[in-house]
Amino acid sequence: MNYLRFNSRDYPEANRRTALAETYAPLCGLDVDVSSGRLDVDVTVRGLSQIVVSDSLLINHKASRTRSHIADGDDSMMLVIPRQGMMEISSGTRQERMCAPGQLYLLPLEDPFVSQNQGKHFVTSIGLPQSFLQSRLSAPDRVIGKTFQAADSNAYRLLLGYLENLYHTGEILAGPVATLAELQIMDLAALVLGFDEESEVIAGNRGVRQVRYQAMRNYIKLRMFDAELSADVVARHFNISPQYLRKIFSEFNLTFTDYLNAIRLDWVYKNLASPANSRNYISTLAYRAGFSNLAWFNRAFKRRFGISPSEVRESTVIENT
């Protein structure tokens, strides 16, 4: 994965306009109006093999893609996803559109366009290959060069969550993980845009379940210390049935209970093996991790690690004496 970051605040105030014009604008393939004294930009770009994902915090930003820029031959389309603040877009001969959070805009880079916002605006953009789009869109006139609502609201929420996770990975994404991330983003984009029936089935079966599965795992990790956490609680959070949740986990050769117990047991082991936690009773750590039955906890711990909790504690004490 290629990773680039530009933040105008990294430059002395006297040099920011020059940096915006000479560094940021060519990086984005745009002309940027630097006349505003309040113009500020913080952009992160991740380039995968077929797509480019950018997260941009823009203040008083106005940019245009001109016919000279179009000569670069980039015919991809940019799926614009506003996250905060209003954005104004005018593409080609199409009339000016306002795009707000909850809406999307599919911007063809082979056409000139102007985009601008007043005040603070946070937007995520996904550059998608035209070849990926043109033969599969079920209703291209509904989305190209227009503000529109996601064709699948569940896929839209999952896409936002997946992009948020990608944002927090920083520049650490490579190999099979980067390939999988790209595939899932494209599958979710397909559902959001409203692809033809065959492509939608492929994307739905391959992408949404994988992303939903990962989202549920992340949610369980955040709530793992809650003794009341259950499949019903997680299913309710994701607006699906407990039966469907269990089916998704089973497709990855795992059960909800096995996964929850595994991360809880791993947490206890890590803390038992840490000298910093030597004063904590084993029972205290077990209860804190969400276990309510100590006898069952001890059996499950030994089954997972081949050693009892007290043996882990003893070996840690010996190693540090």
Protein backbone atom coordinates (compact mmCIF):
# COMPACT_ATOMS: atom_id res chain seq x y z
CA MET A 1 0.00 0.00 0.00
CA ASN A 2 1.25 3.48 -0.88
CA TYR A 3 0.70 5.96 1.95
CA LEU A 4 0.91 9.75 1.66
CA ARG A 5 0.07 12.51 4.11
CA PHE A 6 -0.10 16.28 3.63
CA ASN A 7 -0.93 18.67 6.43
CA SER A 8 -0.70 22.39 5.75
CA ARG A 9 -0.04 22.99 9.47
CA ASP A 10 3.31 21.22 9.07
CA TYR A 11 4.51 24.36 7.29
CA PRO A 12 5.19 27.79 8.78
CA GLU A 13 2.19 30.04 8.24
CA ALA A 14 4.15 32.25 5.84
CA ASN A 15 4.88 29.24 3.60
CA ARG A 16 1.51 27.47 3.66
CA ARG A 17 0.06 28.98 0.49
CA THR A 18 3.17 28.02 -1.45
CA ALA A 19 3.07 24.48 -0.05
CA LEU A 20 -0.61 24.14 -0.93
CA ALA A 21 -0.03 25.34 -4.49
CA GLU A 22 3.23 23.49 -5.17
CA THR A 23 2.82 20.28 -3.15
CA TYR A 24 -0.81 19.56 -2.29
CA ALA A 25 -2.46 20.64 -5.57
CA PRO A 26 -0.20 18.52 -7.86
CA LEU A 27 -0.56 15.57 -5.46
CA CYS A 28 -4.36 15.69 -5.88
CA GLY A 29 -4.32 16.58 -9.59
CA LEU A 30 -6.19 19.83 -8.96
CA ASP A 31 -5.92 23.58 -9.05
CA VAL A 32 -6.45 24.96 -5.53
CA ASP A 33 -7.61 28.48 -4.77
CA VAL A 34 -5.13 29.69 -2.15
CA SER A 35 -6.55 33.22 -1.88
CA SER A 36 -8.37 32.49 1.38
CA GLY A 37 -6.28 33.30 4.44
CA ARG A 38 -8.14 30.62 6.41
CA LEU A 39 -7.51 27.76 3.94
CA ASP A 40 -6.34 24.65 5.78
CA VAL A 41 -5.83 21.07 4.57
CA ASP A 42 -5.02 17.72 6.20
CA VAL A 43 -5.14 14.85 3.70
CA THR A 44 -4.19 11.17 3.99
CA VAL A 45 -4.05 9.05 0.83
CA ARG A 46 -3.81 5.24 0.69
CA GLY A 47 -3.14 3.74 -2.70
CA LEU A 48 -4.02 0.06 -3.13
CA SER A 49 -3.60 -1.94 -6.34
CA GLN A 50 -6.93 -0.88 -7.93
CA ILE A 51 -8.36 1.83 -5.72
CA VAL A 52 -7.26 4.96 -3.86
CA VAL A 53 -8.81 5.96 -0.51
CA SER A 54 -8.34 9.48 0.82
CA ASP A 55 -9.49 11.15 4.03
CA SER A 56 -9.51 14.94 3.88
CA LEU A 57 -10.11 17.58 6.52
CA LEU A 58 -10.68 20.79 4.54
CA ILE A 59 -11.31 24.32 5.79
CA ASN A 60 -12.50 26.97 3.29
CA HIS A 61 -11.36 24.79 0.41
CA LYS A 62 -12.02 25.40 -3.28
CA ALA A 63 -10.45 23.21 -5.97
CA SER A 64 -10.98 22.54 -9.65
CA ARG A 65 -10.00 19.80 -12.05
CA THR A 66 -9.44 21.44 -15.44
CA ARG A 67 -9.03 20.11 -18.97
CA SER A 68 -5.26 20.24 -18.55
CA HIS A 69 -5.59 17.88 -15.58
CA ILE A 70 -7.82 15.53 -17.59
CA ALA A 71 -4.91 15.05 -19.98
CA ASP A 72 -3.33 12.81 -17.34
CA GLY A 73 -5.60 10.02 -18.64
CA ASP A 74 -7.15 9.15 -15.28
CA ASP A 75 -10.66 7.96 -16.17
CA SER A 76 -11.51 6.51 -12.77
CA MET A 77 -14.54 7.65 -10.78
CA MET A 78 -14.41 9.13 -7.30
CA LEU A 79 -17.05 8.06 -4.81
CA VAL A 80 -17.33 11.11 -2.53
CA ILE A 81 -18.58 10.42 1.01
CA PRO A 82 -19.03 13.58 3.14
CA ARG A 83 -18.58 12.85 6.86
CA GLN A 84 -18.89 16.36 8.31
CA GLY A 85 -20.07 19.64 6.75
CA MET A 86 -21.58 20.52 3.38
CA MET A 87 -19.74 20.18 0.08
CA GLU A 88 -20.64 21.89 -3.20
CA ILE A 89 -19.78 20.03 -6.43
CA SER A 90 -20.21 21.01 -10.06
CA SER A 91 -19.10 18.37 -12.58
CA GLY A 92 -18.85 18.81 -16.35
CA THR A 93 -21.99 20.41 -17.73
CA ARG A 94 -24.09 19.13 -14.83
CA GLN A 95 -25.66 21.61 -12.46
CA GLU A 96 -24.17 22.41 -9.08
CA ARG A 97 -25.01 19.95 -6.31
CA MET A 98 -24.84 20.17 -2.54
CA CYS A 99 -23.64 17.00 -0.83
CA ALA A 100 -24.12 16.47 2.91
CA PRO A 101 -23.31 13.65 5.36
CA GLY A 102 -25.57 10.69 4.59
CA GLN A 103 -25.39 11.47 0.86
CA LEU A 104 -22.88 10.42 -1.80
CA TYR A 105 -21.60 11.75 -5.11
CA LEU A 106 -19.98 9.73 -7.92
CA LEU A 107 -17.52 12.05 -9.64
CA PRO A 108 -16.04 11.07 -13.04
CA LEU A 109 -12.42 12.25 -13.19
CA GLU A 110 -12.53 12.38 -16.99
CA ASP A 111 -14.76 15.48 -16.67
CA PRO A 112 -13.77 18.91 -15.30
CA PHE A 113 -15.25 19.73 -11.91
CA VAL A 114 -15.22 22.32 -9.14
CA SER A 115 -15.67 21.48 -5.47
CA GLN A 116 -15.80 23.86 -2.55
CA ASN A 117 -16.84 24.19 1.06
CA GLN A 118 -17.16 26.94 3.62
CA GLY A 119 -15.90 26.28 7.12
CA LYS A 120 -14.76 22.83 8.21
CA HIS A 121 -15.46 19.78 6.06
CA PHE A 122 -14.35 16.17 6.50
CA VAL A 123 -14.75 13.87 3.49
CA THR A 124 -13.67 10.39 2.46
CA SER A 125 -13.19 9.63 -1.23
CA ILE A 126 -12.70 6.28 -2.97
CA GLY A 127 -11.19 6.25 -6.45
CA LEU A 128 -12.73 3.31 -8.32
CA PRO A 129 -11.70 1.99 -11.77
CA GLN A 130 -14.17 2.92 -14.49
CA SER A 131 -13.90 -0.66 -15.81
CA PHE A 132 -15.18 -1.88 -12.45
CA LEU A 133 -18.17 0.44 -12.66
CA GLN A 134 -19.39 0.93 -16.19
CA SER A 135 -20.55 -2.60 -17.03
CA ARG A 136 -22.14 -3.28 -13.65
CA LEU A 137 -24.09 -0.22 -12.54
CA SER A 138 -27.78 -1.01 -12.70
CA ALA A 139 -28.76 2.67 -13.10
CA PRO A 140 -25.72 4.83 -14.03
CA ASP A 141 -27.86 7.92 -14.65
CA ARG A 142 -28.98 7.78 -11.02
CA VAL A 143 -25.49 8.18 -9.58
CA ILE A 144 -22.91 9.57 -12.04
CA GLY A 145 -22.43 13.30 -11.49
CA LYS A 146 -25.30 13.42 -9.00
CA THR A 147 -26.00 13.50 -5.29
CA PHE A 148 -27.74 10.28 -4.26
CA GLN A 149 -28.62 8.03 -1.35
CA ALA A 150 -26.99 4.64 -0.85
CA ALA A 151 -28.85 1.84 -2.61
CA ASP A 152 -28.20 -0.40 0.42
CA SER A 153 -28.19 1.43 3.77
CA ASN A 154 -26.69 -1.54 5.66
CA ALA A 155 -23.80 -1.73 3.19
CA TYR A 156 -23.33 2.04 3.55
CA ARG A 157 -23.00 1.79 7.34
CA LEU A 158 -20.60 -1.14 7.01
CA LEU A 159 -18.53 0.75 4.43
CA LEU A 160 -18.22 3.73 6.79
CA GLY A 161 -17.15 1.44 9.61
CA TYR A 162 -14.63 -0.33 7.43
CA LEU A 163 -13.16 2.95 6.20
CA GLU A 164 -12.93 4.15 9.80
CA ASN A 165 -10.92 1.04 10.71
CA LEU A 166 -8.72 1.58 7.66
CA TYR A 167 -8.13 5.19 8.75
CA HIS A 168 -6.86 4.05 12.15
CA THR A 169 -4.42 1.49 10.69
CA GLY A 170 -2.23 4.38 9.49
CA GLU A 171 0.35 3.21 6.98
CA ILE A 172 0.56 -0.38 8.28
CA LEU A 173 -1.31 -2.35 5.62
CA ALA A 174 0.36 -4.68 3.14
CA GLY A 175 0.28 -8.09 1.46
CA PRO A 176 -2.82 -10.30 1.69
CA VAL A 177 -4.40 -7.97 4.27
CA ALA A 178 -4.23 -5.02 1.85
CA THR A 179 -5.64 -7.20 -0.95
CA LEU A 180 -8.54 -8.30 1.25
CA ALA A 181 -9.22 -4.72 2.36
CA GLU A 182 -9.41 -3.57 -1.27
CA LEU A 183 -11.74 -6.40 -2.25
CA GLN A 184 -14.11 -5.68 0.63
CA ILE A 185 -14.18 -1.94 -0.04
CA MET A 186 -15.03 -2.56 -3.70
CA ASP A 187 -17.73 -5.08 -2.79
CA LEU A 188 -19.37 -2.68 -0.35
CA ALA A 189 -19.10 0.18 -2.84
CA ALA A 190 -20.88 -2.04 -5.35
CA LEU A 191 -23.81 -2.51 -2.98
CA VAL A 192 -23.90 1.18 -2.06
CA LEU A 193 -23.97 2.27 -5.72
CA GLY A 194 -26.62 -0.24 -6.78
CA PHE A 195 -24.97 -2.75 -9.09
CA ASP A 196 -26.66 -5.20 -11.39
CA GLU A 197 -28.22 -8.26 -9.76
CA GLU A 198 -25.37 -10.69 -10.47
CA SER A 199 -22.67 -8.34 -9.15
CA GLU A 200 -24.82 -7.57 -6.12
CA VAL A 201 -25.13 -11.25 -5.22
CA ILE A 202 -21.35 -11.71 -5.54
CA ALA A 203 -20.62 -8.62 -3.45
CA GLY A 204 -23.27 -9.48 -0.87
CA ASN A 205 -22.07 -13.02 -0.37
CA ARG A 206 -18.37 -12.18 -0.37
CA GLY A 207 -17.99 -8.70 1.03
CA VAL A 208 -20.77 -7.80 3.44
CA ARG A 209 -20.56 -10.93 5.55
CA GLN A 210 -16.80 -10.63 5.85
CA VAL A 211 -16.99 -6.98 6.87
CA ARG A 212 -19.93 -7.60 9.22
CA TYR A 213 -18.02 -10.47 10.80
CA GLN A 214 -14.99 -8.23 11.38
CA ALA A 215 -17.19 -5.43 12.72
CA MET A 216 -18.80 -7.83 15.20
CA ARG A 217 -15.39 -9.08 16.33
CA ASN A 218 -14.27 -5.49 16.93
CA TYR A 219 -17.47 -4.74 18.87
CA ILE A 220 -17.03 -7.86 21.02
CA LYS A 221 -13.45 -6.84 21.84
CA LEU A 222 -14.70 -3.43 23.00
CA ARG A 223 -17.39 -5.04 25.21
CA MET A 224 -15.46 -8.14 26.31
CA PHE A 225 -15.36 -7.09 29.99
CA ASP A 226 -19.16 -6.93 30.17
CA ALA A 227 -20.34 -10.11 31.94
CA GLU A 228 -23.77 -9.65 30.34
CA LEU A 229 -22.43 -9.66 26.77
CA SER A 230 -24.19 -12.29 24.66
CA ALA A 231 -24.97 -13.18 21.08
CA ASP A 232 -28.38 -11.54 21.55
CA VAL A 233 -26.78 -8.25 22.68
CA VAL A 234 -24.36 -8.17 19.72
CA ALA A 235 -27.07 -9.16 17.21
CA ARG A 236 -29.33 -6.39 18.51
CA HIS A 237 -26.51 -3.85 18.10
CA PHE A 238 -26.05 -4.85 14.44
CA ASN A 239 -29.79 -5.13 13.77
CA ILE A 240 -29.64 -8.82 12.81
CA SER A 241 -31.08 -11.96 14.39
CA PRO A 242 -28.99 -14.06 16.81
CA GLN A 243 -29.47 -16.98 14.40
CA TYR A 244 -27.92 -14.99 11.56
CA LEU A 245 -25.04 -13.91 13.81
CA ARG A 246 -24.30 -17.54 14.66
CA LYS A 247 -24.48 -18.47 10.98
CA ILE A 248 -21.89 -15.81 10.07
CA PHE A 249 -19.51 -17.03 12.78
CA SER A 250 -19.99 -20.64 11.69
CA GLU A 251 -18.94 -19.72 8.14
CA PHE A 252 -15.56 -18.81 9.65
CA ASN A 253 -15.40 -22.09 11.61
CA LEU A 254 -16.03 -20.40 14.93
CA THR A 255 -18.84 -19.87 17.40
CA PHE A 256 -19.68 -16.63 19.16
CA THR A 257 -19.01 -18.20 22.56
CA ASP A 258 -15.67 -19.68 21.50
CA TYR A 259 -14.49 -16.33 20.18
CA LEU A 260 -15.59 -14.39 23.26
CA ASN A 261 -14.01 -16.90 25.65
CA ALA A 262 -10.78 -16.97 23.62
CA ILE A 263 -10.19 -13.21 23.77
CA ARG A 264 -11.09 -13.14 27.46
CA LEU A 265 -8.72 -16.02 28.24
CA ASP A 266 -5.95 -14.39 26.19
CA TRP A 267 -6.40 -11.18 28.18
CA VAL A 268 -6.14 -13.02 31.51
CA TYR A 269 -3.04 -14.93 30.36
CA LYS A 270 -1.35 -11.71 29.24
CA ASN A 271 -2.02 -10.08 32.61
CA LEU A 272 -0.94 -13.12 34.63
CA ALA A 273 2.32 -13.15 32.68
CA SER A 274 2.95 -9.47 33.41
CA PRO A 275 4.97 -8.64 36.55
CA ALA A 276 3.03 -5.38 36.76
CA ASN A 277 -0.10 -7.38 37.69
CA SER A 278 1.52 -9.74 40.20
CA ARG A 279 -0.55 -8.29 43.06
CA ASN A 280 -3.86 -9.00 41.35
CA TYR A 281 -5.55 -12.24 42.41
CA ILE A 282 -6.27 -14.73 39.65
CA SER A 283 -9.94 -14.56 40.59
CA THR A 284 -9.87 -10.75 40.28
CA LEU A 285 -8.55 -10.95 36.72
CA ALA A 286 -11.02 -13.69 35.79
CA TYR A 287 -14.01 -11.73 37.07
CA ARG A 288 -12.74 -8.55 35.43
CA ALA A 289 -12.54 -10.37 32.09
CA GLY A 290 -16.20 -11.34 32.35
CA PHE A 291 -15.98 -14.89 33.75
CA SER A 292 -18.49 -15.62 36.52
CA ASN A 293 -17.65 -19.30 37.25
CA LEU A 294 -14.08 -19.81 38.51
CA ALA A 295 -14.13 -23.60 38.21
CA TRP A 296 -15.18 -23.36 34.55
CA PHE A 297 -12.61 -20.59 33.97
CA ASN A 298 -9.77 -22.76 35.33
CA ARG A 299 -10.74 -25.70 33.13
CA ALA A 300 -11.11 -23.53 30.02
CA PHE A 301 -7.78 -21.81 30.71
CA LYS A 302 -5.86 -25.08 30.99
CA ARG A 303 -7.61 -26.47 27.92
CA ARG A 304 -6.53 -23.44 25.87
CA PHE A 305 -2.97 -23.00 27.12
CA GLY A 306 -2.05 -26.45 28.49
CA ILE A 307 -1.13 -24.88 31.83
CA SER A 308 -3.16 -23.64 34.78
CA PRO A 309 -3.53 -19.95 35.73
CA SER A 310 -1.57 -20.50 38.97
CA GLU A 311 1.28 -22.12 37.01
CA VAL A 312 1.49 -19.09 34.72
CA ARG A 313 1.61 -16.81 37.77
CA GLU A 314 4.28 -18.94 39.47
CA SER A 315 6.50 -19.04 36.39
CA THR A 316 6.25 -15.25 36.07
CA VAL A 317 7.27 -14.78 39.70
CA ILE A 318 10.24 -17.16 39.30
CA GLU A 319 11.45 -15.42 36.13
CA ASN A 320 11.45 -12.06 37.88
CA THR A 321 13.17 -13.02 41.14
